[in-house]
């Protein structure tokens, strides 16, 4: 009677019933090994998920400890914020909470020791921050505050290194856990093979039903997973007719889209980080021009050259207004040209007759958008490395016009008749512009900054700087950008 009931269940056109009865028989045959292997797999999977979660927390803590807190303290030391406005206390609290959570959830002594070392480093950093706050409140000297800030940065670097070691250790543990998961899967596979051998009659009797209802959808999912493994994250699989597989397919499709979104987000965050670094580099380059301008204004005022003082002050005011641009990164080409004209007006007052310049700008391109501060570093380079190193008068030409007949591109050139570069020096400059980290640059900071910003902000829709030069004949620096009405077009 029992076997007759089972036979009737298998004869029904239902994959659910087929799987239910088949697994019922399989569990009866191999219940202990199956439960054991599944428990091991579940344990390793939970451990793997926990490790991944810890790595995510550690990455967040690493950024706060090594970047956010030192940057916030620098704003306070430099006077941009007062101590009460600073958000470093909330960052420290979040950092402490994260460390405590990871220590409470960890069951490995090695991991706990790493986290305890990180916690002691955090406490040292916290004590130094409190000392820094006291110095600032007591109106201690800037040098003392900067010295203590440097010490805090050193501690944050140590903290970052400890967290990186922790992340590496966790990744190694994740690899071990992943291997254990795979081994558990292999063990489960062997159990399935054994079960298939023991219930061979069952499989033979229902082979056609199994092939139609299970094999075809699994084959499609296998092909789908192969495409994912090959890097095709746009791949999708059609929803099967069988209800039992529909949710699985939906989850796989959702997983592929989620992975694709996370990868794009990671790339975008990396680009934004590079943009922030370029902004910091830009901020480090401009101060010397401000100092020289103020010195010139003082010199002219002492010489009672009122007209020149008015002229250079007006130009300087317009220069700063466009430089700030309410924090916007994009301005019109007309504003950018006005910006460099103000800059050259200031330099003309300083250098007198040795500096002459002309602008040749197609008025039709005035309202197109350009990345702010793209021209001024090129003009500055032409003056300091071209005109100043040449005996006698120097001349600078700035041209801006359409680069193609379809009016989709704009070419901008800065040409000087200064000292120029030798072939060896020109080749060295080109190699330095191609550097990714911007380290060990030999006096081409301005050119490197413009070149890097053009590539980053235009998303490869603009070429980098093109430089041609001859010794004692001058230099031509140019770049080409797309015609943009709005920066959102990128």
Protein backbone atom coordinates (compact mmCIF):
# COMPACT_ATOMS: atom_id res chain seq x y z
CA UNK A 1 0.00 0.00 0.00
CA UNK A 2 2.78 2.44 0.90
CA UNK A 3 4.63 1.97 -2.39
CA UNK A 4 1.38 2.21 -4.35
CA UNK A 5 0.68 5.64 -2.82
CA UNK A 6 4.17 6.82 -3.69
CA UNK A 7 3.78 5.58 -7.26
CA UNK A 8 0.53 7.58 -7.59
CA UNK A 9 2.23 10.72 -6.32
CA UNK A 10 5.00 10.36 -8.90
CA UNK A 11 2.49 9.86 -11.68
CA UNK A 12 0.97 13.33 -11.04
CA UNK A 13 2.26 16.15 -13.25
CA UNK A 14 3.71 18.17 -10.38
CA UNK A 15 7.39 18.89 -9.88
CA UNK A 16 6.62 19.99 -6.34
CA UNK A 17 5.24 16.57 -5.47
CA UNK A 18 8.08 14.85 -7.29
CA UNK A 19 10.70 16.78 -5.33
CA UNK A 20 8.82 16.39 -2.05
CA UNK A 21 8.53 12.61 -2.33
CA UNK A 22 12.05 12.21 -3.70
CA UNK A 23 13.58 14.18 -0.85
CA UNK A 24 11.41 12.34 1.63
CA UNK A 25 12.94 9.07 0.47
CA UNK A 26 16.42 10.57 0.28
CA UNK A 27 16.16 11.94 3.84
CA UNK A 28 15.06 8.54 5.06
CA UNK A 29 18.11 6.99 3.41
CA UNK A 30 20.76 9.61 4.17
CA UNK A 31 19.27 11.85 6.86
CA UNK A 32 22.26 11.94 9.18
CA UNK A 33 25.02 12.74 6.61
CA UNK A 34 22.79 15.32 4.93
CA UNK A 35 21.95 17.17 8.12
CA UNK A 36 25.58 17.07 9.18
CA UNK A 37 26.93 18.42 5.89
CA UNK A 38 24.24 21.10 5.68
CA UNK A 39 25.04 22.23 9.22
CA UNK A 40 28.72 22.57 8.32
CA UNK A 41 27.83 24.49 5.17
CA UNK A 42 25.46 26.80 7.06
CA UNK A 43 28.08 27.43 9.75
CA UNK A 44 30.74 28.32 7.18
CA UNK A 45 28.30 30.51 5.25
CA UNK A 46 27.31 32.41 8.40
CA UNK A 47 30.98 32.84 9.29
CA UNK A 48 31.74 34.06 5.76
CA UNK A 49 28.87 36.60 5.89
CA UNK A 50 30.07 37.79 9.30
CA UNK A 51 33.62 38.26 7.99
CA UNK A 52 32.34 40.25 4.99
CA UNK A 53 30.28 42.41 7.34
CA UNK A 54 33.36 43.05 9.51
CA UNK A 55 35.39 43.99 6.43
CA UNK A 56 32.71 46.50 5.45
CA UNK A 57 32.71 48.02 8.95
CA UNK A 58 36.51 48.08 9.00
CA UNK A 59 36.62 49.92 5.67
CA UNK A 60 34.21 52.54 7.00
CA UNK A 61 36.19 52.93 10.23
CA UNK A 62 39.46 53.10 8.28
CA UNK A 63 38.19 56.05 6.23
CA UNK A 64 36.90 57.92 9.29
CA UNK A 65 40.10 57.36 11.30
CA UNK A 66 42.62 58.03 8.52
CA UNK A 67 40.89 60.76 6.49
CA UNK A 68 37.73 62.31 7.92
CA UNK A 69 38.99 63.08 11.45
CA UNK A 70 42.40 64.58 10.37
CA UNK A 71 40.62 66.66 7.70
CA UNK A 72 38.08 67.93 10.25
CA UNK A 73 40.88 68.82 12.72
CA UNK A 74 42.78 70.62 9.95
CA UNK A 75 39.70 72.79 9.32
CA UNK A 76 39.68 73.67 13.03
CA UNK A 77 43.43 74.36 13.25
CA UNK A 78 43.39 76.42 10.05
CA UNK A 79 40.56 78.56 11.42
CA UNK A 80 37.83 77.47 9.02
CA UNK A 81 35.82 76.13 11.93
CA UNK A 82 35.89 76.63 15.67
CA UNK A 83 36.13 73.71 18.05
CA UNK A 84 32.42 73.66 18.83
CA UNK A 85 31.43 73.55 15.18
CA UNK A 86 33.65 70.54 14.48
CA UNK A 87 32.04 67.14 13.96
CA UNK A 88 35.12 65.17 15.05
CA UNK A 89 33.50 64.11 18.35
CA UNK A 90 30.63 62.40 16.53
CA UNK A 91 33.19 60.75 14.23
CA UNK A 92 35.20 59.54 17.24
CA UNK A 93 32.04 58.21 18.85
CA UNK A 94 31.07 56.34 15.68
CA UNK A 95 34.60 54.95 15.41
CA UNK A 96 34.51 53.73 19.02
CA UNK A 97 31.06 52.17 18.55
CA UNK A 98 32.22 50.36 15.42
CA UNK A 99 35.27 48.92 17.18
CA UNK A 100 33.20 47.81 20.16
CA UNK A 101 30.63 46.12 17.91
CA UNK A 102 33.30 44.20 16.01
CA UNK A 103 35.03 43.12 19.27
CA UNK A 104 31.73 41.95 20.77
CA UNK A 105 30.85 39.95 17.65
CA UNK A 106 34.30 38.42 17.13
CA UNK A 107 35.01 34.90 18.38
CA UNK A 108 38.67 34.77 17.30
CA UNK A 109 41.41 35.68 19.76
CA UNK A 110 43.68 36.88 16.97
CA UNK A 111 41.00 39.20 15.63
CA UNK A 112 40.23 40.49 19.11
CA UNK A 113 43.89 41.29 19.70
CA UNK A 114 44.04 43.31 16.46
CA UNK A 115 40.87 45.17 17.40
CA UNK A 116 42.14 45.81 20.93
CA UNK A 117 45.34 47.26 19.47
CA UNK A 118 43.23 49.46 17.17
CA UNK A 119 41.13 50.52 20.16
CA UNK A 120 44.21 51.53 22.17
CA UNK A 121 45.44 53.52 19.17
CA UNK A 122 42.02 55.18 18.98
CA UNK A 123 42.25 56.10 22.67
CA UNK A 124 45.69 57.64 22.09
CA UNK A 125 44.29 59.64 19.19
CA UNK A 126 41.35 60.76 21.34
CA UNK A 127 43.66 61.97 24.11
CA UNK A 128 45.74 63.96 21.63
CA UNK A 129 42.60 65.50 20.14
CA UNK A 130 41.53 66.61 23.62
CA UNK A 131 45.00 68.16 24.11
CA UNK A 132 44.62 69.92 20.74
CA UNK A 133 41.24 71.35 21.77
CA UNK A 134 42.75 72.65 25.01
CA UNK A 135 45.62 74.29 23.15
CA UNK A 136 43.20 76.01 20.78
CA UNK A 137 40.96 77.18 23.64
CA UNK A 138 44.03 78.52 25.45
CA UNK A 139 45.07 80.43 22.29
CA UNK A 140 48.26 78.46 21.88
CA UNK A 141 50.43 79.23 18.87
CA UNK A 142 49.55 77.89 15.42
CA UNK A 143 52.91 76.10 15.29
CA UNK A 144 52.08 74.16 18.45
CA UNK A 145 48.63 73.23 17.12
CA UNK A 146 50.05 72.13 13.77
CA UNK A 147 52.75 70.11 15.52
CA UNK A 148 50.15 68.30 17.62
CA UNK A 149 47.97 67.84 14.53
CA UNK A 150 50.92 66.20 12.76
CA UNK A 151 51.25 63.83 15.71
CA UNK A 152 47.52 63.04 15.48
CA UNK A 153 47.94 62.33 11.77
CA UNK A 154 50.78 59.97 12.55
CA UNK A 155 48.55 58.17 15.04
CA UNK A 156 45.73 58.05 12.47
CA UNK A 157 48.16 56.55 9.96
CA UNK A 158 49.12 53.91 12.52
CA UNK A 159 45.43 53.28 13.15
CA UNK A 160 44.86 52.96 9.40
CA UNK A 161 47.70 50.44 9.10
CA UNK A 162 46.28 48.36 11.96
CA UNK A 163 42.85 48.35 10.32
CA UNK A 164 44.38 47.41 6.96
CA UNK A 165 46.15 44.50 8.65
CA UNK A 166 42.84 43.55 10.22
CA UNK A 167 41.10 43.68 6.81
CA UNK A 168 43.84 41.54 5.24
CA UNK A 169 43.48 39.03 8.08
CA UNK A 170 39.70 38.96 7.66
CA UNK A 171 40.00 38.50 3.89
CA UNK A 172 42.30 35.53 4.49
CA UNK A 173 39.73 34.13 6.90
CA UNK A 174 37.01 34.74 4.30
CA UNK A 175 39.02 32.78 1.75
CA UNK A 176 39.31 29.88 4.19
CA UNK A 177 35.58 30.05 4.91
CA UNK A 178 34.82 30.15 1.20
CA UNK A 179 36.99 27.07 0.64
CA UNK A 180 35.11 25.33 3.44
CA UNK A 181 31.83 26.25 1.76
CA UNK A 182 33.06 24.77 -1.49
CA UNK A 183 34.23 21.61 0.27
CA UNK A 184 30.84 21.33 1.94
CA UNK A 185 29.21 21.70 -1.47
CA UNK A 186 31.40 18.92 -2.84
CA UNK A 187 30.42 16.74 0.10
CA UNK A 188 26.76 17.47 -0.56
CA UNK A 189 27.30 16.60 -4.22
CA UNK A 190 28.75 13.22 -3.26
CA UNK A 191 25.76 12.56 -1.05
CA UNK A 192 23.46 13.39 -3.93
CA UNK A 193 25.33 10.98 -6.19
CA UNK A 194 24.98 8.26 -3.59
CA UNK A 195 21.29 8.97 -3.20
CA UNK A 196 20.83 8.85 -6.97
CA UNK A 197 22.50 5.46 -7.07
CA UNK A 198 20.30 4.15 -4.27
CA UNK A 199 17.08 5.43 -5.78
CA UNK A 200 17.98 4.71 -9.40
CA UNK A 201 14.62 3.18 -10.16
CA UNK A 202 12.96 6.40 -9.00
CA UNK A 203 15.08 8.53 -11.32
CA UNK A 204 14.58 6.24 -14.32
CA UNK A 205 10.81 6.18 -13.85
CA UNK A 206 10.61 9.98 -13.78
CA UNK A 207 13.48 10.86 -16.13
CA UNK A 208 11.37 12.59 -18.75
CA UNK A 209 9.49 14.68 -16.22
CA UNK A 210 12.70 15.63 -14.46
CA UNK A 211 14.40 16.58 -17.74
CA UNK A 212 11.53 18.76 -18.82
CA UNK A 213 10.74 20.49 -15.52
CA UNK A 214 14.20 20.74 -13.93
CA UNK A 215 17.01 20.16 -16.42
CA UNK A 216 16.04 22.88 -18.89
CA UNK A 217 15.67 25.71 -16.31
CA UNK A 218 18.87 24.63 -14.55
CA UNK A 219 20.73 24.62 -17.87
CA UNK A 220 19.55 28.17 -18.51
CA UNK A 221 20.63 29.24 -15.04
CA UNK A 222 24.00 27.56 -15.51
CA UNK A 223 24.51 29.47 -18.74
CA UNK A 224 23.41 32.62 -16.97
CA UNK A 225 25.91 32.08 -14.13
CA UNK A 226 28.68 31.42 -16.68
CA UNK A 227 27.98 34.78 -18.31
CA UNK A 228 28.09 36.45 -14.89
CA UNK A 229 31.41 34.77 -14.11
CA UNK A 230 32.74 36.04 -17.46
CA UNK A 231 31.91 39.61 -16.42
CA UNK A 232 28.66 40.16 -18.33
CA UNK A 233 26.69 41.81 -15.53
CA UNK A 234 24.01 42.96 -17.99
CA UNK A 235 22.95 39.35 -18.56
CA UNK A 236 19.40 38.40 -17.57
CA UNK A 237 17.45 35.14 -17.61
CA UNK A 238 13.81 34.83 -18.65
CA UNK A 239 11.32 33.74 -16.00
CA UNK A 240 10.52 30.02 -16.39
CA UNK A 241 6.99 28.67 -16.58
CA UNK A 242 7.52 26.56 -13.47
CA UNK A 243 6.42 28.35 -10.33
CA UNK A 244 9.09 26.71 -8.17
CA UNK A 245 11.91 28.35 -10.18
CA UNK A 246 10.37 31.80 -10.69
CA UNK A 247 11.52 33.30 -7.38
CA UNK A 248 15.03 31.90 -7.82
CA UNK A 249 15.33 33.43 -11.29
CA UNK A 250 14.05 36.80 -10.02
CA UNK A 251 16.65 36.75 -7.26
CA UNK A 252 19.44 35.90 -9.70
CA UNK A 253 18.43 38.74 -12.01
CA UNK A 254 18.22 41.11 -9.05
CA UNK A 255 21.65 39.96 -7.86
CA UNK A 256 23.21 40.67 -11.28
CA UNK A 257 21.71 44.17 -11.37
CA UNK A 258 22.84 44.82 -7.79
CA UNK A 259 26.42 43.73 -8.52
CA UNK A 260 26.48 45.94 -11.63
CA UNK A 261 25.16 48.90 -9.63
CA UNK A 262 27.70 48.40 -6.85
CA UNK A 263 30.59 48.19 -9.31
CA UNK A 264 29.49 51.42 -11.02
CA UNK A 265 29.10 53.06 -7.61
CA UNK A 266 32.60 51.94 -6.63
CA UNK A 267 34.05 53.40 -9.85
CA UNK A 268 32.16 56.66 -9.28
CA UNK A 269 33.40 56.89 -5.69
CA UNK A 270 36.96 56.33 -6.90
CA UNK A 271 36.61 59.14 -9.45
CA UNK A 272 35.11 61.46 -6.82
CA UNK A 273 38.03 60.70 -4.53
CA UNK A 274 40.48 61.64 -7.29
CA UNK A 275 38.52 64.86 -7.87
CA UNK A 276 38.81 65.72 -4.18
CA UNK A 277 42.56 65.12 -4.34
CA UNK A 278 42.84 67.40 -7.37
CA UNK A 279 40.87 70.10 -5.53
CA UNK A 280 43.33 69.88 -2.64
CA UNK A 281 46.25 70.17 -5.07
CA UNK A 282 44.62 73.25 -6.63
CA UNK A 283 44.27 74.85 -3.21
CA UNK A 284 47.99 74.29 -2.56
CA UNK A 285 49.06 75.90 -5.83
CA UNK A 286 47.27 79.31 -5.67
CA UNK A 287 48.46 80.94 -2.39
CA UNK A 288 51.80 82.19 -3.74
CA UNK A 289 49.96 84.24 -6.39
CA UNK A 290 47.83 85.86 -3.68
CA UNK A 291 50.92 86.80 -1.66
CA UNK A 292 52.64 88.31 -4.69
CA UNK A 293 49.52 90.29 -5.58
CA UNK A 294 49.19 91.74 -2.09
CA UNK A 295 52.87 92.64 -2.11
CA UNK A 296 52.40 94.44 -5.41
CA UNK A 297 49.39 96.40 -4.10
CA UNK A 298 51.38 97.45 -1.03
CA UNK A 299 54.34 98.50 -3.20
CA UNK A 300 52.11 100.57 -5.50
CA UNK A 301 50.32 102.18 -2.55
CA UNK A 302 53.63 103.14 -0.95
CA UNK A 303 54.69 104.64 -4.29
CA UNK A 304 51.38 106.58 -4.34
CA UNK A 305 50.41 105.10 -7.73
CA UNK A 306 46.71 105.41 -7.10
CA UNK A 307 45.54 104.54 -10.61
CA UNK A 308 47.60 101.35 -10.67
CA UNK A 309 46.33 100.40 -7.20
CA UNK A 310 42.73 100.81 -8.37
CA UNK A 311 43.38 98.87 -11.54
CA UNK A 312 45.09 95.92 -9.89
CA UNK A 313 42.61 95.83 -6.99
CA UNK A 314 39.62 95.78 -9.37
CA UNK A 315 41.25 93.04 -11.43
CA UNK A 316 42.08 91.08 -8.28
CA UNK A 317 38.49 91.41 -7.03
CA UNK A 318 37.10 90.11 -10.33
CA UNK A 319 39.73 87.36 -10.36
CA UNK A 320 38.69 86.12 -6.91
CA UNK A 321 34.97 86.39 -7.70
CA UNK A 322 35.30 84.08 -10.68
CA UNK A 323 37.78 81.80 -8.86
CA UNK A 324 35.25 81.16 -6.11
CA UNK A 325 32.11 81.10 -8.33
CA UNK A 326 30.00 80.16 -5.30
CA UNK A 327 31.71 76.76 -5.19
CA UNK A 328 30.71 75.83 -8.76
CA UNK A 329 33.15 73.74 -10.80
CA UNK A 330 31.75 74.88 -14.17
CA UNK A 331 31.56 78.39 -15.64
CA UNK A 332 31.08 79.79 -19.13
CA UNK A 333 34.03 80.21 -21.49
CA UNK A 334 33.38 83.95 -21.42
CA UNK A 335 33.83 83.96 -17.63
CA UNK A 336 36.98 81.84 -17.89
CA UNK A 337 38.46 84.27 -20.46
CA UNK A 338 37.55 87.22 -18.21
CA UNK A 339 39.23 85.40 -15.34
CA UNK A 340 42.58 85.06 -17.16
CA UNK A 341 42.32 88.63 -18.42
CA UNK A 342 42.11 89.81 -14.81
CA UNK A 343 45.04 87.58 -13.98
CA UNK A 344 47.13 89.03 -16.81
CA UNK A 345 46.13 92.57 -15.81
CA UNK A 346 47.63 91.92 -12.38
CA UNK A 347 50.76 90.37 -13.87
CA UNK A 348 51.08 93.24 -16.37
CA UNK A 349 51.23 95.70 -13.49
CA UNK A 350 53.96 93.61 -11.87
CA UNK A 351 56.10 92.96 -14.93
CA UNK A 352 55.44 96.10 -16.96
CA UNK A 353 56.69 96.24 -20.55
CA UNK A 354 58.31 92.80 -20.56
CA UNK A 355 54.84 91.19 -20.72
CA UNK A 356 52.36 91.66 -23.58
CA UNK A 357 49.35 89.55 -24.44
CA UNK A 358 46.47 89.21 -26.91
CA UNK A 359 43.21 87.25 -27.00
CA UNK A 360 41.62 85.73 -30.10
CA UNK A 361 38.26 84.31 -29.02
CA UNK A 362 35.35 83.28 -31.25
CA UNK A 363 32.34 84.98 -29.66
CA UNK A 364 30.09 82.08 -30.69
CA UNK A 365 31.63 79.87 -28.00
CA UNK A 366 31.20 82.33 -25.10
CA UNK A 367 28.15 80.65 -23.55
CA UNK A 368 29.48 77.08 -23.64
CA UNK A 369 30.57 75.61 -20.29
CA UNK A 370 34.17 74.91 -19.29
CA UNK A 371 35.81 73.47 -16.20
CA UNK A 372 36.78 76.41 -14.00
CA UNK A 373 40.49 77.34 -13.64
CA UNK A 374 41.54 75.45 -16.77
CA UNK A 375 43.39 78.40 -18.35
CA UNK A 376 44.97 80.37 -15.50
CA UNK A 377 47.59 77.69 -14.62
CA UNK A 378 48.61 77.54 -18.30
CA UNK A 379 49.04 81.34 -18.40
CA UNK A 380 50.98 81.19 -15.15
CA UNK A 381 53.26 78.50 -16.58
CA UNK A 382 53.86 80.61 -19.70
CA UNK A 383 54.91 83.59 -17.56
CA UNK A 384 57.07 81.89 -14.95
CA UNK A 385 58.73 79.28 -17.17
CA UNK A 386 58.64 81.06 -20.50
CA UNK A 387 58.61 84.87 -20.40
CA UNK A 388 60.63 85.32 -17.15
CA UNK A 389 63.41 83.06 -18.43
CA UNK A 390 63.72 85.02 -21.65
CA UNK A 391 65.71 88.22 -22.00
CA UNK A 392 63.63 91.10 -23.29
CA UNK A 393 59.94 91.36 -23.97
CA UNK A 394 57.63 88.40 -24.10
CA UNK A 395 54.26 87.90 -25.74
CA UNK A 396 51.36 85.55 -24.90
CA UNK A 397 48.52 84.68 -27.29
CA UNK A 398 45.32 83.03 -26.07
CA UNK A 399 43.06 81.54 -28.76
CA UNK A 400 39.68 79.85 -28.35
CA UNK A 401 37.67 78.64 -31.34
CA UNK A 402 35.73 75.72 -32.78
CA UNK A 403 37.96 72.74 -33.54
CA UNK A 404 35.72 71.09 -36.15
CA UNK A 405 33.30 72.06 -38.89
CA UNK A 406 30.34 70.51 -37.08
CA UNK A 407 31.00 72.81 -34.09
CA UNK A 408 30.98 69.97 -31.56
CA UNK A 409 34.49 70.64 -30.20
CA UNK A 410 36.37 73.69 -28.94
CA UNK A 411 40.15 74.09 -29.05
CA UNK A 412 41.92 76.45 -26.65
CA UNK A 413 45.61 77.38 -27.01
CA UNK A 414 48.06 79.34 -24.86
CA UNK A 415 51.09 80.34 -26.93
CA UNK A 416 54.16 82.20 -25.68
CA UNK A 417 57.45 83.22 -27.29
CA UNK A 418 59.44 82.58 -24.13
CA UNK A 419 62.44 80.40 -23.33
CA UNK A 420 60.72 77.15 -24.39
CA UNK A 421 61.85 73.60 -23.61
CA UNK A 422 64.63 71.46 -24.91
CA UNK A 423 63.54 68.16 -26.48
CA UNK A 424 64.75 66.27 -23.42
CA UNK A 425 62.89 68.54 -20.99
CA UNK A 426 59.73 68.46 -23.13
CA UNK A 427 59.76 64.65 -23.11
CA UNK A 428 60.22 64.68 -19.32
CA UNK A 429 57.24 67.05 -18.92
CA UNK A 430 55.03 64.80 -21.05
CA UNK A 431 55.97 61.75 -18.98
CA UNK A 432 55.21 63.61 -15.74
CA UNK A 433 51.77 64.61 -17.03
CA UNK A 434 50.99 60.92 -17.57
CA UNK A 435 51.70 60.03 -13.93
CA UNK A 436 48.71 58.77 -12.00
CA UNK A 437 49.78 59.68 -8.46
CA UNK A 438 51.19 63.18 -9.08
CA UNK A 439 54.30 62.49 -6.97
CA UNK A 440 57.86 63.68 -7.64
CA UNK A 441 56.81 66.32 -10.15
CA UNK A 442 59.56 68.67 -11.34
CA UNK A 443 57.86 72.12 -11.35
CA UNK A 444 54.90 71.19 -13.58
CA UNK A 445 52.26 71.16 -10.85
CA UNK A 446 49.98 73.59 -12.69
CA UNK A 447 50.13 71.68 -15.98
CA UNK A 448 49.65 68.35 -14.19
CA UNK A 449 46.67 69.73 -12.29
CA UNK A 450 44.91 71.01 -15.43
CA UNK A 451 45.66 67.81 -17.38
CA UNK A 452 44.34 65.56 -14.60
CA UNK A 453 41.20 67.65 -14.04
CA UNK A 454 40.35 67.70 -17.74
CA UNK A 455 40.51 63.91 -17.93
CA UNK A 456 38.58 63.36 -14.68
CA UNK A 457 35.78 65.88 -15.09
CA UNK A 458 35.13 65.39 -18.80
CA UNK A 459 34.92 61.60 -18.47
CA UNK A 460 37.33 60.99 -21.36
CA UNK A 461 35.29 63.29 -23.64
CA UNK A 462 38.19 65.75 -23.64
CA UNK A 463 41.80 65.09 -24.49
CA UNK A 464 44.57 66.02 -22.08
CA UNK A 465 47.09 68.78 -22.66
CA UNK A 466 49.01 68.84 -25.92
CA UNK A 467 52.41 70.56 -25.58
CA UNK A 468 54.81 71.57 -28.33
CA UNK A 469 57.92 73.68 -27.70
CA UNK A 470 61.31 74.70 -29.06
CA UNK A 471 64.22 76.05 -27.07
CA UNK A 472 64.31 79.91 -27.15
CA UNK A 473 61.34 79.97 -29.58
CA UNK A 474 58.40 79.46 -27.27
CA UNK A 475 55.75 76.97 -26.17
CA UNK A 476 52.24 76.07 -27.33
CA UNK A 477 49.93 74.38 -24.79
CA UNK A 478 46.46 73.39 -26.06
CA UNK A 479 43.50 71.17 -25.22
CA UNK A 480 40.18 70.28 -26.83
CA UNK A 481 36.84 70.06 -25.02
CA UNK A 482 33.26 69.24 -26.13
CA UNK A 483 30.68 72.00 -26.60
CA UNK A 484 28.56 71.80 -23.45
CA UNK A 485 25.53 73.93 -22.67
CA UNK A 486 25.22 72.20 -19.30
CA UNK A 487 27.81 70.13 -17.40
CA UNK A 488 25.09 67.53 -16.75
CA UNK A 489 25.51 66.46 -20.38
CA UNK A 490 28.69 64.56 -19.37
